[in-house]
Amino acid sequence: MPIWYATLPCGQVFEGEYVERRFNTRADVDREVKLRLGADDATRRAALRDNVALFDLESHLADRTDIFYNTFDLNAAGGEVVARSLITCGFAARLQTAIGAVKAHDKVT
């Protein structure tokens, strides 16, 4: 099976009950968001460097605030939104191609 990379969306706004309980200041939220976005940028660079398929969920879902249980973990709606985003990014087509290649290989061996 091929290796694919994906960025991960995260909550990027200073609002909501969880944020109020977890963070003391806006700077604390901004610091965590910066670290997570840095990891996504590193993933994008690695995908380009390694010539690997990238599913850039962070770019597709950056404006969504309703899909997180906290600032990172997805709620039930978030799971569905991410699944749909993966399909939009071409994951299903790539997966079908990979499965077809495995099946063709199995027939030969």
Protein backbone atom coordinates (compact mmCIF):
# COMPACT_ATOMS: atom_id res chain seq x y z
CA MET A 1 0.00 0.00 0.00
CA PRO A 2 1.27 3.47 -0.76
CA ILE A 3 2.08 6.02 1.90
CA TRP A 4 0.00 9.18 1.92
CA TYR A 5 0.29 12.28 4.09
CA ALA A 6 -2.48 14.41 5.54
CA THR A 7 -2.58 17.66 7.42
CA LEU A 8 -4.91 17.89 10.39
CA PRO A 9 -7.35 20.70 11.07
CA CYS A 10 -7.42 22.36 14.46
CA GLY A 11 -9.56 24.94 16.17
CA GLN A 12 -7.99 28.34 15.53
CA VAL A 13 -10.28 30.76 17.35
CA PHE A 14 -10.30 32.04 20.91
CA GLU A 15 -13.89 31.24 21.76
CA GLY A 16 -16.06 28.60 23.31
CA GLU A 17 -16.44 26.89 26.66
CA TYR A 18 -13.48 24.53 26.21
CA VAL A 19 -11.11 27.32 25.24
CA GLU A 20 -12.21 29.41 28.20
CA ARG A 21 -11.47 26.50 30.58
CA ARG A 22 -8.21 25.37 28.95
CA PHE A 23 -6.40 28.62 28.10
CA ASN A 24 -5.73 31.70 30.19
CA THR A 25 -5.04 34.12 27.35
CA ARG A 26 -5.41 34.57 23.64
CA ALA A 27 -1.61 34.29 23.40
CA ASP A 28 -1.81 30.77 24.85
CA VAL A 29 -4.30 29.75 22.17
CA ASP A 30 -2.26 31.40 19.43
CA ARG A 31 0.89 29.58 20.59
CA GLU A 32 -0.82 26.17 20.39
CA VAL A 33 -2.37 26.96 17.00
CA LYS A 34 1.03 28.09 15.69
CA LEU A 35 2.61 24.77 16.75
CA ARG A 36 -0.15 22.72 15.09
CA LEU A 37 0.01 24.78 11.89
CA GLY A 38 3.79 24.35 11.92
CA ALA A 39 3.32 20.58 11.97
CA ASP A 40 0.93 20.86 9.02
CA ASP A 41 3.45 22.99 7.11
CA ALA A 42 6.15 20.38 7.78
CA THR A 43 3.79 17.70 6.45
CA ARG A 44 3.18 19.71 3.28
CA ARG A 45 6.91 20.17 2.72
CA ALA A 46 7.60 16.48 3.35
CA ALA A 47 4.90 15.44 0.88
CA LEU A 48 6.42 17.70 -1.77
CA ARG A 49 9.96 16.54 -1.00
CA ASP A 50 8.99 12.86 -1.03
CA ASN A 51 6.59 13.18 -3.97
CA VAL A 52 3.82 11.67 -1.84
CA ALA A 53 0.08 12.33 -2.13
CA LEU A 54 -1.11 14.97 0.34
CA PHE A 55 -4.61 15.28 1.72
CA ASP A 56 -4.62 18.86 3.00
CA LEU A 57 -7.49 18.70 5.46
CA GLU A 58 -6.25 21.75 7.36
CA SER A 59 -6.56 23.96 4.28
CA HIS A 60 -10.00 22.59 3.45
CA LEU A 61 -11.34 22.92 6.99
CA ALA A 62 -9.45 25.87 8.50
CA ASP A 63 -12.56 28.04 8.66
CA ARG A 64 -14.67 25.45 10.48
CA THR A 65 -15.24 26.05 14.19
CA ASP A 66 -18.13 23.64 14.63
CA ILE A 67 -16.28 20.36 14.05
CA PHE A 68 -14.18 20.15 17.22
CA TYR A 69 -14.89 18.79 20.66
CA ASN A 70 -11.97 20.89 21.90
CA THR A 71 -9.29 22.60 19.81
CA PHE A 72 -8.08 19.40 18.16
CA ASP A 73 -10.32 16.38 18.67
CA LEU A 74 -13.21 16.09 16.26
CA ASN A 75 -16.79 15.85 17.43
CA ALA A 76 -19.31 13.59 15.64
CA ALA A 77 -20.03 16.21 12.98
CA GLY A 78 -16.29 16.71 12.55
CA GLY A 79 -15.74 13.04 11.77
CA GLU A 80 -18.28 13.26 8.97
CA VAL A 81 -16.86 16.54 7.66
CA VAL A 82 -13.33 15.11 7.59
CA ALA A 83 -14.52 11.96 5.80
CA ARG A 84 -16.28 14.07 3.17
CA SER A 85 -13.20 16.28 2.82
CA LEU A 86 -11.02 13.21 2.26
CA ILE A 87 -13.35 12.14 -0.54
CA THR A 88 -13.21 15.64 -2.05
CA CYS A 89 -9.40 15.54 -1.86
CA GLY A 90 -9.37 12.33 -3.90
CA PHE A 91 -8.76 9.77 -1.14
CA ALA A 92 -11.43 7.34 -2.35
CA ALA A 93 -10.09 7.33 -5.91
CA ARG A 94 -6.52 6.78 -4.71
CA LEU A 95 -7.65 4.02 -2.37
CA GLN A 96 -9.53 2.25 -5.17
CA THR A 97 -6.43 2.46 -7.38
CA ALA A 98 -4.23 1.05 -4.61
CA ILE A 99 -6.66 -1.81 -3.93
CA GLY A 100 -6.81 -2.57 -7.65
CA ALA A 101 -3.01 -2.73 -7.78
CA VAL A 102 -2.92 -5.12 -4.82
CA LYS A 103 -5.57 -7.34 -6.41
CA ALA A 104 -3.68 -7.38 -9.71
CA HIS A 105 -0.48 -8.27 -7.88
CA ASP A 106 -2.24 -11.08 -6.01
CA LYS A 107 -3.49 -12.57 -9.29
CA VAL A 108 0.05 -12.63 -10.68
CA THR A 109 1.58 -14.31 -7.62
